Amino acid sequence: MGQRITQFFEKYITNWYFPELRVTDVIEVIIIALFLYRVIVWIKNTKAWMLLKGMAVLGVFMIVATVLQMHTILWLGRNLVNVLATAAIVVFQPELRRALEKLGEKDFLSSVVAFDANKKEKGRFTEKTIDGIVEATFAMGEAKTGALIVVEQAIKLTEYEKTGIEMDCIVSSQILLNIFEHNTPLHDGAIIIRGDRIVSATCYLPLSDNMGLSKDLGTRHRAAVGLSEVSDALVIIVSEENGKISVALGGQLVRDVTPEYLRGRLTYIQNKNNEPSRLSKLWKGRLKDERDSDKESGS
């Protein structure tokens, strides 16, 4: 019995290769898995899903051609690979651009190293601006006046700002109501708010290709989600059909929100940059300790 066990181990176990597992290997696998997951989600929510299905059909066709030794078709397939790859990049340029913009949304270096430690921190806009936005939004909702309000954050929306009419006025409920009043020159399109001021009106926004959005949503909602996918802006939508208020942020759409919810989101983006990250706090603390020690050594 013992001899059989020994023979088994010599035959099946001895030559097995067990690679050395390091912590970096585990981290690498997790990063690759997260990357693949995000790519799959991106493909599913855009028209790239149709491209993937087309590639799958083409792949099956090429396998059949290989089995049946269809040399002409295989030759054409080998020579068309580079052309198809270039065509895919051209066709899906907007989606690839959005993906790269997502990578550059957050300035990680500035969040870690507080170069502006001596700079006075302040909110993006005042409470008066928040009050004006909330008041006007729900007043328009009661009157079923369609509106699209973009609140800019860290990412500058200059590209979309140029598609509209330049403005420079303080945000107030009266101004917002007048802009989106029916049959007025500025009511069509979106307005962009930067800080406490309206900088542009009648702006055109990119439409979302997200297949998961409800089919009953119109162009106004798809434009709001589209802009929130390529920037960190908060977009407020007032439905012209039912007067309900929706909020788009980070590619997600929250429908039929309350005044308290909208005020909470505006207050959050107003103050979120005021709170330094933990690493920033540690860095600032280190600088403070160094200054204190310099003072002590000088005295």
Protein backbone atom coordinates (compact mmCIF):
# COMPACT_ATOMS: atom_id res chain seq x y z
CA MET A 1 0.00 0.00 0.00
CA GLY A 2 2.79 2.41 0.94
CA GLN A 3 4.61 1.57 -2.27
CA ARG A 4 1.52 2.45 -4.34
CA ILE A 5 1.18 5.80 -2.60
CA THR A 6 4.84 6.52 -3.26
CA GLN A 7 4.46 5.60 -6.93
CA PHE A 8 1.40 7.84 -7.20
CA PHE A 9 3.26 10.83 -5.77
CA GLU A 10 6.28 10.15 -7.99
CA LYS A 11 4.09 9.89 -11.09
CA TYR A 12 1.60 12.73 -10.58
CA ILE A 13 2.82 15.07 -7.85
CA THR A 14 6.61 15.22 -8.09
CA ASN A 15 6.68 16.93 -11.48
CA TRP A 16 3.98 19.46 -10.68
CA TYR A 17 5.03 23.06 -10.85
CA PHE A 18 3.80 25.34 -8.09
CA PRO A 19 4.77 28.94 -8.89
CA GLU A 20 5.77 31.24 -6.07
CA LEU A 21 2.84 33.49 -5.16
CA ARG A 22 3.71 37.04 -4.13
CA VAL A 23 1.56 39.87 -2.84
CA THR A 24 2.22 41.83 -6.04
CA ASP A 25 0.85 38.91 -8.07
CA VAL A 26 -2.44 39.02 -6.15
CA ILE A 27 -2.65 42.81 -6.62
CA GLU A 28 -1.91 42.40 -10.33
CA VAL A 29 -4.70 39.83 -10.77
CA ILE A 30 -7.17 42.12 -8.94
CA ILE A 31 -6.23 45.12 -11.11
CA ILE A 32 -6.59 43.11 -14.33
CA ALA A 33 -9.94 41.70 -13.16
CA LEU A 34 -11.27 45.19 -12.34
CA PHE A 35 -10.03 46.50 -15.68
CA LEU A 36 -11.71 43.68 -17.61
CA TYR A 37 -14.92 44.21 -15.64
CA ARG A 38 -14.99 47.93 -16.49
CA VAL A 39 -14.31 47.15 -20.17
CA ILE A 40 -17.16 44.62 -20.25
CA VAL A 41 -19.55 47.10 -18.58
CA TRP A 42 -18.46 49.80 -21.03
CA ILE A 43 -19.04 47.46 -23.99
CA LYS A 44 -22.47 46.44 -22.71
CA ASN A 45 -23.67 50.03 -22.16
CA THR A 46 -22.56 51.42 -25.53
CA LYS A 47 -22.89 50.55 -29.19
CA ALA A 48 -19.60 48.65 -28.82
CA TRP A 49 -21.85 45.75 -27.75
CA MET A 50 -23.08 45.49 -31.35
CA LEU A 51 -19.48 45.52 -32.57
CA LEU A 52 -18.59 42.70 -30.17
CA LYS A 53 -21.49 40.57 -31.43
CA GLY A 54 -20.43 41.26 -35.02
CA MET A 55 -16.85 40.21 -34.19
CA ALA A 56 -18.16 37.02 -32.58
CA VAL A 57 -20.15 36.13 -35.72
CA LEU A 58 -17.12 36.90 -37.88
CA GLY A 59 -14.94 34.75 -35.62
CA VAL A 60 -17.28 31.77 -35.94
CA PHE A 61 -17.32 32.24 -39.72
CA MET A 62 -13.50 32.24 -39.82
CA ILE A 63 -13.36 29.04 -37.73
CA VAL A 64 -15.71 27.34 -40.19
CA ALA A 65 -13.57 28.61 -43.09
CA THR A 66 -10.47 27.17 -41.40
CA VAL A 67 -12.08 23.75 -40.87
CA LEU A 68 -13.30 23.63 -44.49
CA GLN A 69 -9.96 24.93 -45.81
CA MET A 70 -11.46 27.94 -47.63
CA HIS A 71 -8.11 29.47 -48.51
CA THR A 72 -9.40 32.53 -50.35
CA ILE A 73 -11.63 33.59 -47.45
CA LEU A 74 -8.78 33.00 -44.96
CA TRP A 75 -6.45 35.14 -47.10
CA LEU A 76 -9.00 37.95 -47.18
CA GLY A 77 -9.49 37.67 -43.42
CA ARG A 78 -5.75 37.93 -42.70
CA ASN A 79 -5.39 41.00 -44.90
CA LEU A 80 -8.48 42.74 -43.55
CA VAL A 81 -7.53 42.52 -39.86
CA ASN A 82 -5.51 45.75 -39.85
CA VAL A 83 -8.18 47.60 -41.87
CA LEU A 84 -10.95 46.49 -39.51
CA ALA A 85 -8.91 47.51 -36.45
CA THR A 86 -8.36 51.00 -37.88
CA ALA A 87 -12.04 51.27 -38.82
CA ALA A 88 -13.09 50.30 -35.27
CA ILE A 89 -10.88 53.07 -33.82
CA VAL A 90 -12.41 55.64 -36.18
CA VAL A 91 -16.01 54.53 -35.60
CA PHE A 92 -15.66 54.37 -31.81
CA GLN A 93 -13.52 57.48 -31.41
CA PRO A 94 -16.13 59.25 -29.20
CA GLU A 95 -16.35 56.26 -26.84
CA LEU A 96 -12.56 55.91 -26.63
CA ARG A 97 -12.27 59.63 -25.95
CA ARG A 98 -14.81 59.39 -23.12
CA ALA A 99 -12.86 56.49 -21.59
CA LEU A 100 -9.63 58.52 -21.63
CA GLU A 101 -11.42 61.56 -20.20
CA LYS A 102 -12.62 59.39 -17.32
CA LEU A 103 -9.00 58.49 -16.51
CA GLY A 104 -8.11 62.18 -16.30
CA GLU A 105 -11.07 63.34 -14.22
CA LYS A 106 -9.25 63.37 -10.88
CA ASP A 107 -5.91 65.01 -10.26
CA PHE A 108 -4.47 62.42 -7.90
CA LEU A 109 -1.19 64.27 -7.45
CA SER A 110 -2.83 67.44 -6.19
CA SER A 111 -5.07 65.44 -3.86
CA VAL A 112 -2.00 63.84 -2.24
CA VAL A 113 0.45 66.74 -2.20
CA ALA A 114 -1.05 69.95 -0.88
CA PHE A 115 0.86 72.55 -2.89
CA ASP A 116 -1.89 75.04 -2.13
CA ALA A 117 -1.61 74.61 1.63
CA ASN A 118 -1.53 78.37 2.15
CA LYS A 119 -4.41 79.01 -0.25
CA LYS A 120 -7.68 79.95 1.34
CA GLU A 121 -10.26 77.24 0.80
CA LYS A 122 -13.79 78.11 -0.15
CA GLY A 123 -16.89 76.48 -1.58
CA ARG A 124 -17.73 76.39 -5.27
CA PHE A 125 -20.73 78.67 -4.85
CA THR A 126 -22.75 80.35 -2.15
CA GLU A 127 -25.88 79.24 -0.33
CA LYS A 128 -27.77 81.91 -2.25
CA THR A 129 -26.93 80.14 -5.50
CA ILE A 130 -28.12 76.82 -4.09
CA ASP A 131 -31.37 78.43 -2.95
CA GLY A 132 -31.91 79.98 -6.38
CA ILE A 133 -31.31 76.71 -8.24
CA VAL A 134 -33.58 74.65 -5.97
CA GLU A 135 -36.37 77.25 -5.92
CA ALA A 136 -36.36 77.75 -9.70
CA THR A 137 -36.10 74.04 -10.47
CA PHE A 138 -39.19 73.02 -8.53
CA ALA A 139 -41.13 76.11 -9.64
CA MET A 140 -40.49 75.02 -13.24
CA GLY A 141 -41.48 71.48 -12.29
CA GLU A 142 -44.87 72.67 -11.04
CA ALA A 143 -45.40 74.61 -14.28
CA LYS A 144 -44.06 71.70 -16.40
CA THR A 145 -41.43 73.92 -17.97
CA GLY A 146 -38.61 71.84 -19.44
CA ALA A 147 -35.11 72.78 -18.30
CA LEU A 148 -31.54 71.52 -18.36
CA ILE A 149 -29.16 73.02 -15.79
CA VAL A 150 -25.47 72.05 -15.71
CA VAL A 151 -23.47 72.77 -12.54
CA GLU A 152 -19.76 72.66 -13.41
CA GLN A 153 -17.25 71.14 -11.01
CA ALA A 154 -13.51 70.46 -11.49
CA ILE A 155 -13.64 69.64 -15.21
CA LYS A 156 -14.05 72.78 -17.30
CA LEU A 157 -16.89 72.56 -19.82
CA THR A 158 -15.42 75.07 -22.26
CA GLU A 159 -16.05 72.78 -25.22
CA TYR A 160 -19.80 72.67 -24.54
CA GLU A 161 -19.93 76.27 -23.35
CA LYS A 162 -18.86 77.42 -26.83
CA THR A 163 -21.85 75.68 -28.44
CA GLY A 164 -24.24 78.12 -26.74
CA ILE A 165 -24.70 81.84 -26.25
CA GLU A 166 -22.19 83.47 -23.90
CA MET A 167 -23.63 84.95 -20.72
CA ASP A 168 -22.29 86.41 -17.51
CA CYS A 169 -24.90 86.89 -14.81
CA ILE A 170 -25.48 85.97 -11.18
CA VAL A 171 -27.55 82.84 -10.57
CA SER A 172 -31.02 83.58 -9.20
CA SER A 173 -34.40 81.90 -9.36
CA GLN A 174 -35.86 84.79 -11.40
CA ILE A 175 -33.09 84.58 -14.03
CA LEU A 176 -33.48 80.81 -14.36
CA LEU A 177 -37.24 81.05 -14.71
CA ASN A 178 -36.91 83.73 -17.40
CA ILE A 179 -34.31 81.76 -19.37
CA PHE A 180 -36.43 78.59 -19.62
CA GLU A 181 -39.77 80.34 -20.17
CA HIS A 182 -41.55 78.98 -23.26
CA ASN A 183 -40.96 80.81 -26.55
CA THR A 184 -38.01 82.83 -25.25
CA PRO A 185 -34.73 82.94 -27.24
CA LEU A 186 -32.70 81.08 -24.58
CA HIS A 187 -35.11 78.37 -23.45
CA ASP A 188 -33.85 75.64 -25.80
CA GLY A 189 -30.75 73.68 -24.76
CA ALA A 190 -28.80 73.70 -21.49
CA ILE A 191 -27.30 76.42 -19.33
CA ILE A 192 -23.89 76.05 -17.67
CA ILE A 193 -23.32 77.40 -14.17
CA ARG A 194 -19.75 78.05 -13.04
CA GLY A 195 -19.48 79.13 -9.43
CA ASP A 196 -22.14 81.76 -8.76
CA ARG A 197 -22.59 82.76 -12.40
CA ILE A 198 -24.38 81.52 -15.52
CA VAL A 199 -21.71 81.48 -18.23
CA SER A 200 -23.62 80.12 -21.22
CA ALA A 201 -27.13 79.20 -22.41
CA THR A 202 -28.66 77.14 -25.27
CA CYS A 203 -25.71 74.74 -25.06
CA TYR A 204 -25.67 71.40 -26.86
CA LEU A 205 -24.69 68.36 -24.77
CA PRO A 206 -23.49 64.91 -25.94
CA LEU A 207 -26.16 62.21 -25.97
CA SER A 208 -25.54 59.05 -23.95
CA ASP A 209 -25.21 55.68 -25.70
CA ASN A 210 -26.12 53.84 -22.50
CA MET A 211 -28.43 50.99 -23.53
CA GLY A 212 -29.64 50.59 -19.95
CA LEU A 213 -31.53 53.89 -19.87
CA SER A 214 -35.30 53.67 -19.87
CA LYS A 215 -36.90 53.91 -23.31
CA ASP A 216 -39.38 56.52 -22.09
CA LEU A 217 -36.60 59.05 -21.48
CA GLY A 218 -36.30 61.85 -24.02
CA THR A 219 -33.39 63.73 -25.54
CA ARG A 220 -33.10 66.08 -22.55
CA HIS A 221 -32.44 63.19 -20.14
CA ARG A 222 -30.04 61.40 -22.51
CA ALA A 223 -28.08 64.62 -22.97
CA ALA A 224 -27.82 65.06 -19.19
CA VAL A 225 -26.54 61.51 -18.69
CA GLY A 226 -24.19 61.91 -21.67
CA LEU A 227 -22.50 64.97 -20.17
CA SER A 228 -22.27 63.34 -16.73
CA GLU A 229 -20.47 60.39 -18.37
CA VAL A 230 -17.69 62.56 -19.81
CA SER A 231 -17.35 65.04 -16.94
CA ASP A 232 -17.93 65.41 -13.20
CA ALA A 233 -20.72 67.97 -13.71
CA LEU A 234 -24.04 67.70 -11.89
CA VAL A 235 -26.91 68.03 -14.38
CA ILE A 236 -30.48 68.88 -13.31
CA ILE A 237 -33.38 67.97 -15.61
CA VAL A 238 -36.94 69.26 -15.42
CA SER A 239 -39.32 67.11 -17.45
CA GLU A 240 -41.64 69.02 -19.74
CA GLU A 241 -44.06 66.06 -19.85
CA ASN A 242 -44.66 65.41 -16.15
CA GLY A 243 -42.73 68.15 -14.32
CA LYS A 244 -40.58 65.65 -12.40
CA ILE A 245 -37.03 66.57 -11.43
CA SER A 246 -34.08 64.27 -12.20
CA VAL A 247 -30.37 64.53 -11.40
CA ALA A 248 -27.50 63.06 -13.46
CA LEU A 249 -24.05 62.63 -11.93
CA GLY A 250 -21.24 60.25 -12.81
CA GLY A 251 -23.26 58.58 -15.56
CA GLN A 252 -26.09 57.72 -13.15
CA LEU A 253 -29.59 59.18 -13.36
CA VAL A 254 -31.78 59.63 -10.26
CA ARG A 255 -35.38 60.38 -11.18
CA ASP A 256 -38.19 62.15 -9.35
CA VAL A 257 -36.01 63.72 -6.64
CA THR A 258 -37.17 65.91 -3.76
CA PRO A 259 -36.00 69.46 -2.96
CA GLU A 260 -34.08 68.06 0.03
CA TYR A 261 -32.23 65.58 -2.18
CA LEU A 262 -31.27 68.23 -4.75
CA ARG A 263 -30.12 70.65 -2.05
CA GLY A 264 -28.07 67.86 -0.47
CA ARG A 265 -26.30 67.05 -3.75
CA LEU A 266 -25.54 70.72 -4.42
CA THR A 267 -24.23 71.20 -0.89
CA TYR A 268 -22.08 68.09 -1.22
CA ILE A 269 -20.35 69.21 -4.42
CA GLN A 270 -20.01 72.70 -2.95
CA ASN A 271 -18.00 71.49 0.01
CA LYS A 272 -16.35 68.23 -1.06
CA ASN A 273 -13.11 69.89 -2.20
CA ASN A 274 -12.81 71.73 1.10
CA GLU A 275 -12.01 68.52 2.93
CA PRO A 276 -8.43 67.47 2.22
CA SER A 277 -7.68 63.80 1.75
CA ARG A 278 -6.07 61.78 4.50
CA LEU A 279 -2.72 61.77 2.73
CA SER A 280 -3.03 65.51 2.23
CA LYS A 281 -3.66 65.96 5.95
CA LEU A 282 -0.57 63.88 6.76
CA TRP A 283 1.50 65.94 4.31
CA LYS A 284 0.25 69.22 5.76
CA GLY A 285 0.96 67.92 9.27
CA ARG A 286 4.49 67.01 8.23
CA LEU A 287 5.08 70.49 6.79
CA LYS A 288 3.73 72.04 9.99
CA ASP A 289 6.05 69.90 12.12
CA GLU A 290 9.01 70.90 9.94
CA ARG A 291 8.15 74.60 10.32
CA ASP A 292 7.78 74.20 14.09
CA SER A 293 11.12 72.44 14.34
CA ASP A 294 12.76 75.17 12.24
CA LYS A 295 11.37 77.80 14.60
CA GLU A 296 12.67 75.90 17.64
CA SER A 297 16.13 75.48 16.11
CA GLY A 298 16.17 79.18 15.18
CA SER A 299 15.31 80.23 18.70
